[in-house]
Amino acid sequence: MKIIHRLPLTCVASLLLATSACRSSGGPDVIIRASPRDASPKEEIALITADSLVFAAVVREQAAGKEDEYPRRLERLRYDARPYGTTSGYPENFAGVQGIDPTLSFGRVGDAVIDRIAENRERILRFQGVPKGGPFTHTQCGGVGIPKPPSPRRGASAPRAKGADVHSGCPKNTEYYLTVGLPLRGQPEGLKDLRDVRGDRVSPRGEVWTVLVDENAIGPTGWSKSQYAWLFKRKRSGRLELDSAILIAVVE
């Protein structure tokens, strides 16, 4: 059982039909999008360079996070070096946000380029002293939103069978597993006119890069997954700095 809390957005992408349905006052309009084009050699190099810069900025900003606001400083965390944490390097399920498709900024690349991106990310993690690793392997650990089984009623004529503890296999200490998507140029349309995790209206100016960051957490009370869009601005020094983070969805 999963409990999904999704941010209401004006445009939701259809995964199976590769369409996007945008709501308007006159009813939904369905736009059929062509298959992703292949990236040119020049685009491949540009993507590899942009990904290294954005991924390094994500790791740096996460490590510098505070305990009372997002991004939080996390203990016992690891990153998946592959974009989105998938074998192909592309998301298996697109976020329901207009313009968040990574192939809109760069043509689709092949396995060799994704492998190169993952290798560069591994170097960044080693330099930052942050571990890499895959998803959680804990069994019998349900979502934090799954209620505990009811206690037996007093005075019942027959004892009630004890319900299974869906959290019996959860770890005693909370662990975090993060995935980082491919970089997107600019601020996607579906993220405009929204508020970030601090409640501020998101309207960065200048050179902007957007990336999806999935935070998977598992602890004594179960697991949860939160997906954020991080928006970076390039400073005059050339350094990318986090401008805002928008919560897209929570799965419990």
Protein backbone atom coordinates (compact mmCIF):
# COMPACT_ATOMS: atom_id res chain seq x y z
CA MET A 1 0.00 0.00 0.00
CA LYS A 2 1.38 3.38 -0.99
CA ILE A 3 0.06 6.75 0.04
CA ILE A 4 0.96 9.35 -2.59
CA HIS A 5 0.73 13.07 -1.91
CA ARG A 6 1.27 14.91 -5.19
CA LEU A 7 1.60 18.63 -5.66
CA PRO A 8 -1.30 19.90 -7.81
CA LEU A 9 0.22 21.00 -11.10
CA THR A 10 -1.45 22.42 -14.19
CA CYS A 11 0.03 19.85 -16.54
CA VAL A 12 0.43 16.07 -16.05
CA ALA A 13 2.50 13.92 -18.41
CA SER A 14 1.07 10.61 -19.59
CA LEU A 15 3.70 7.88 -19.29
CA LEU A 16 2.33 5.09 -21.42
CA LEU A 17 1.16 7.17 -24.35
CA ALA A 18 4.03 9.68 -24.26
CA THR A 19 1.53 12.53 -24.22
CA SER A 20 1.00 15.56 -22.04
CA ALA A 21 -2.45 16.66 -20.92
CA CYS A 22 -2.82 20.27 -19.87
CA ARG A 23 -5.92 21.45 -18.10
CA SER A 24 -7.60 24.64 -19.19
CA SER A 25 -10.98 26.25 -18.63
CA GLY A 26 -12.19 24.70 -21.89
CA GLY A 27 -11.27 21.14 -20.95
CA PRO A 28 -8.16 19.01 -21.34
CA ASP A 29 -6.00 19.31 -24.45
CA VAL A 30 -3.90 16.29 -25.32
CA ILE A 31 -0.65 17.00 -27.17
CA ILE A 32 1.12 14.06 -28.79
CA ARG A 33 4.89 14.48 -28.48
CA ALA A 34 7.22 12.89 -31.00
CA SER A 35 9.76 10.30 -29.94
CA PRO A 36 12.92 11.77 -28.38
CA ARG A 37 15.60 12.63 -30.92
CA ASP A 38 19.15 11.37 -30.59
CA ALA A 39 21.77 13.76 -29.31
CA SER A 40 24.48 15.04 -31.61
CA PRO A 41 28.16 14.54 -30.60
CA LYS A 42 28.27 18.22 -29.58
CA GLU A 43 25.20 17.77 -27.38
CA GLU A 44 26.70 14.66 -25.79
CA ILE A 45 29.75 16.63 -24.67
CA ALA A 46 27.55 19.49 -23.46
CA LEU A 47 25.39 17.09 -21.44
CA ILE A 48 28.40 15.38 -19.82
CA THR A 49 29.84 18.77 -18.82
CA ALA A 50 26.54 20.17 -17.53
CA ASP A 51 25.76 17.01 -15.57
CA SER A 52 29.10 17.07 -13.75
CA LEU A 53 28.61 20.71 -12.76
CA VAL A 54 25.01 20.22 -11.57
CA PHE A 55 25.67 16.93 -9.78
CA ALA A 56 28.66 18.41 -7.93
CA ALA A 57 26.46 21.35 -6.90
CA VAL A 58 23.76 18.98 -5.57
CA VAL A 59 26.26 17.00 -3.47
CA ARG A 60 27.86 20.20 -2.19
CA GLU A 61 24.57 21.85 -1.25
CA GLN A 62 23.26 18.68 0.44
CA ALA A 63 26.42 18.34 2.52
CA ALA A 64 26.08 21.98 3.60
CA GLY A 65 22.40 21.55 4.52
CA LYS A 66 20.92 22.56 7.84
CA GLU A 67 18.92 20.43 10.27
CA ASP A 68 15.84 22.66 10.37
CA GLU A 69 15.20 23.28 6.67
CA TYR A 70 15.51 21.61 3.30
CA PRO A 71 17.98 20.46 2.08
CA ARG A 72 18.70 18.86 5.42
CA ARG A 73 22.09 17.63 6.48
CA LEU A 74 21.67 13.86 6.32
CA GLU A 75 23.58 11.12 8.09
CA ARG A 76 23.91 7.61 6.68
CA LEU A 77 23.16 8.65 3.10
CA ARG A 78 24.38 7.37 -0.23
CA TYR A 79 23.96 8.47 -3.83
CA ASP A 80 23.24 6.39 -6.87
CA ALA A 81 25.80 7.43 -9.49
CA ARG A 82 23.46 6.71 -12.40
CA PRO A 83 20.95 9.40 -13.35
CA TYR A 84 17.53 8.71 -11.83
CA GLY A 85 18.99 5.50 -10.38
CA THR A 86 17.98 3.55 -13.50
CA THR A 87 19.97 1.27 -15.80
CA SER A 88 19.22 3.40 -18.86
CA GLY A 89 19.98 6.70 -17.12
CA TYR A 90 16.49 7.96 -17.95
CA PRO A 91 13.43 8.00 -15.67
CA GLU A 92 11.13 5.01 -15.76
CA ASN A 93 8.28 7.30 -14.72
CA PHE A 94 8.31 10.97 -15.64
CA ALA A 95 7.26 13.46 -13.00
CA GLY A 96 3.88 15.03 -13.68
CA VAL A 97 5.45 18.37 -14.55
CA GLN A 98 5.37 20.07 -17.92
CA GLY A 99 8.85 20.51 -19.36
CA ILE A 100 10.62 18.14 -16.95
CA ASP A 101 11.41 15.56 -19.67
CA PRO A 102 15.25 15.48 -19.87
CA THR A 103 15.20 14.98 -23.65
CA LEU A 104 13.73 18.47 -24.08
CA SER A 105 17.09 20.03 -23.16
CA PHE A 106 19.42 17.49 -24.77
CA GLY A 107 18.78 14.75 -27.29
CA ARG A 108 18.69 11.23 -25.91
CA VAL A 109 22.13 9.69 -25.44
CA GLY A 110 23.25 6.08 -25.53
CA ASP A 111 24.67 3.74 -22.92
CA ALA A 112 28.28 4.83 -23.48
CA VAL A 113 27.49 8.46 -22.60
CA ILE A 114 25.42 7.46 -19.56
CA ASP A 115 28.33 5.28 -18.39
CA ARG A 116 30.67 8.27 -18.76
CA ILE A 117 28.26 10.44 -16.76
CA ALA A 118 28.08 7.82 -14.00
CA GLU A 119 31.89 7.55 -13.89
CA ASN A 120 32.22 11.32 -13.51
CA ARG A 121 29.65 11.27 -10.71
CA GLU A 122 31.58 8.55 -8.91
CA ARG A 123 34.70 10.73 -9.04
CA ILE A 124 32.75 13.64 -7.58
CA LEU A 125 31.45 11.47 -4.74
CA ARG A 126 34.94 10.20 -3.92
CA PHE A 127 36.27 13.77 -3.92
CA GLN A 128 33.46 14.88 -1.58
CA GLY A 129 33.88 11.82 0.63
CA VAL A 130 30.28 10.72 0.08
CA PRO A 131 29.42 7.02 -0.41
CA LYS A 132 27.64 5.70 -3.48
CA GLY A 133 25.25 2.77 -3.45
CA GLY A 134 21.99 1.30 -4.64
CA PRO A 135 18.45 1.16 -3.26
CA PHE A 136 17.46 -0.24 0.13
CA THR A 137 17.40 -4.01 0.61
CA HIS A 138 15.38 -4.14 3.84
CA THR A 139 12.46 -6.58 3.71
CA GLN A 140 9.25 -6.44 5.74
CA CYS A 141 9.41 -2.66 6.02
CA GLY A 142 6.26 -0.89 4.89
CA GLY A 143 5.65 2.77 4.22
CA VAL A 144 5.40 5.24 7.07
CA GLY A 145 1.80 5.92 6.10
CA ILE A 146 0.67 2.33 6.68
CA PRO A 147 -1.19 2.16 10.02
CA LYS A 148 -0.27 -0.34 12.72
CA PRO A 149 -2.60 -3.35 13.14
CA PRO A 150 -5.33 -2.80 15.76
CA SER A 151 -4.80 -4.14 19.25
CA PRO A 152 -7.03 -6.99 20.47
CA ARG A 153 -10.25 -5.83 22.13
CA ARG A 154 -10.63 -6.48 25.82
CA GLY A 155 -13.30 -8.95 26.79
CA ALA A 156 -13.58 -10.47 23.35
CA SER A 157 -14.94 -14.02 23.39
CA ALA A 158 -12.19 -15.29 21.09
CA PRO A 159 -8.68 -13.92 20.80
CA ARG A 160 -8.09 -11.83 17.68
CA ALA A 161 -5.30 -13.03 15.42
CA LYS A 162 -2.27 -10.82 15.79
CA GLY A 163 -1.72 -8.71 12.70
CA ALA A 164 1.61 -8.79 10.91
CA ASP A 165 3.95 -5.97 11.82
CA VAL A 166 4.70 -4.35 8.47
CA HIS A 167 7.64 -2.50 10.03
CA SER A 168 9.33 -5.47 11.70
CA GLY A 169 12.15 -5.46 9.15
CA CYS A 170 12.87 -1.73 9.27
CA PRO A 171 16.35 -0.56 10.34
CA LYS A 172 16.83 0.97 13.78
CA ASN A 173 18.59 4.02 12.35
CA THR A 174 17.27 6.09 9.46
CA GLU A 175 19.10 5.70 6.16
CA TYR A 176 18.87 7.82 3.01
CA TYR A 177 19.28 6.91 -0.65
CA LEU A 178 19.37 9.77 -3.17
CA THR A 179 19.08 9.82 -6.93
CA VAL A 180 19.78 12.82 -9.15
CA GLY A 181 18.30 13.26 -12.62
CA LEU A 182 19.85 14.73 -15.74
CA PRO A 183 20.20 18.53 -15.93
CA LEU A 184 17.53 20.63 -17.60
CA ARG A 185 18.15 24.08 -19.04
CA GLY A 186 16.09 26.83 -17.49
CA GLN A 187 12.97 26.63 -15.35
CA PRO A 188 10.42 24.15 -16.78
CA GLU A 189 6.98 25.56 -17.53
CA GLY A 190 5.33 23.30 -14.96
CA LEU A 191 7.49 24.81 -12.18
CA LYS A 192 6.71 28.44 -12.94
CA ASP A 193 4.51 30.50 -10.64
CA LEU A 194 4.95 27.97 -7.82
CA ARG A 195 6.26 28.31 -4.28
CA ASP A 196 9.33 26.54 -2.98
CA VAL A 197 9.81 24.63 0.28
CA ARG A 198 10.25 27.96 2.10
CA GLY A 199 6.99 29.33 0.76
CA ASP A 200 8.65 31.83 -1.56
CA ARG A 201 7.57 32.35 -5.15
CA VAL A 202 10.07 30.75 -7.53
CA SER A 203 11.33 33.19 -10.17
CA PRO A 204 15.08 32.87 -10.71
CA ARG A 205 16.75 35.08 -13.32
CA GLY A 206 19.84 34.65 -15.41
CA GLU A 207 21.31 31.26 -16.28
CA VAL A 208 19.19 28.60 -14.55
CA TRP A 209 19.54 24.82 -14.38
CA THR A 210 16.92 22.42 -12.98
CA VAL A 211 17.39 18.85 -11.76
CA LEU A 212 15.16 16.28 -10.04
CA VAL A 213 16.40 14.96 -6.70
CA ASP A 214 14.65 11.94 -5.15
CA GLU A 215 15.16 11.45 -1.42
CA ASN A 216 14.36 7.92 -0.26
CA ALA A 217 14.32 7.46 3.52
CA ILE A 218 13.89 4.30 5.58
CA GLY A 219 13.85 4.05 9.36
CA PRO A 220 12.10 2.48 12.37
CA THR A 221 8.68 3.80 11.33
CA GLY A 222 8.95 2.75 7.67
CA TRP A 223 10.04 4.17 4.35
CA SER A 224 9.09 7.26 2.37
CA LYS A 225 10.10 8.94 -0.87
CA SER A 226 10.10 12.65 -1.61
CA GLN A 227 10.79 14.12 -5.03
CA TYR A 228 12.09 17.66 -5.40
CA ALA A 229 13.04 19.92 -8.27
CA TRP A 230 16.21 21.88 -7.48
CA LEU A 231 16.81 25.11 -9.38
CA PHE A 232 20.37 26.44 -9.59
CA LYS A 233 21.61 29.86 -10.69
CA ARG A 234 25.08 30.52 -12.06
CA LYS A 235 26.87 33.27 -10.18
CA ARG A 236 29.34 35.70 -11.72
CA SER A 237 32.14 33.51 -10.37
CA GLY A 238 30.81 30.68 -12.56
CA ARG A 239 29.71 28.64 -9.54
CA LEU A 240 26.26 27.09 -9.47
CA GLU A 241 24.32 27.80 -6.28
CA LEU A 242 20.95 26.47 -5.18
CA ASP A 243 18.28 29.12 -5.69
CA SER A 244 15.18 27.15 -4.66
CA ALA A 245 13.75 23.67 -4.21
CA ILE A 246 10.16 22.69 -5.03
CA LEU A 247 8.46 19.63 -3.53
CA ILE A 248 6.78 17.70 -6.33
CA ALA A 249 5.47 14.55 -4.64
CA VAL A 250 5.67 12.39 -1.51
CA VAL A 251 5.09 8.63 -1.46
CA GLU A 252 4.64 6.85 1.88
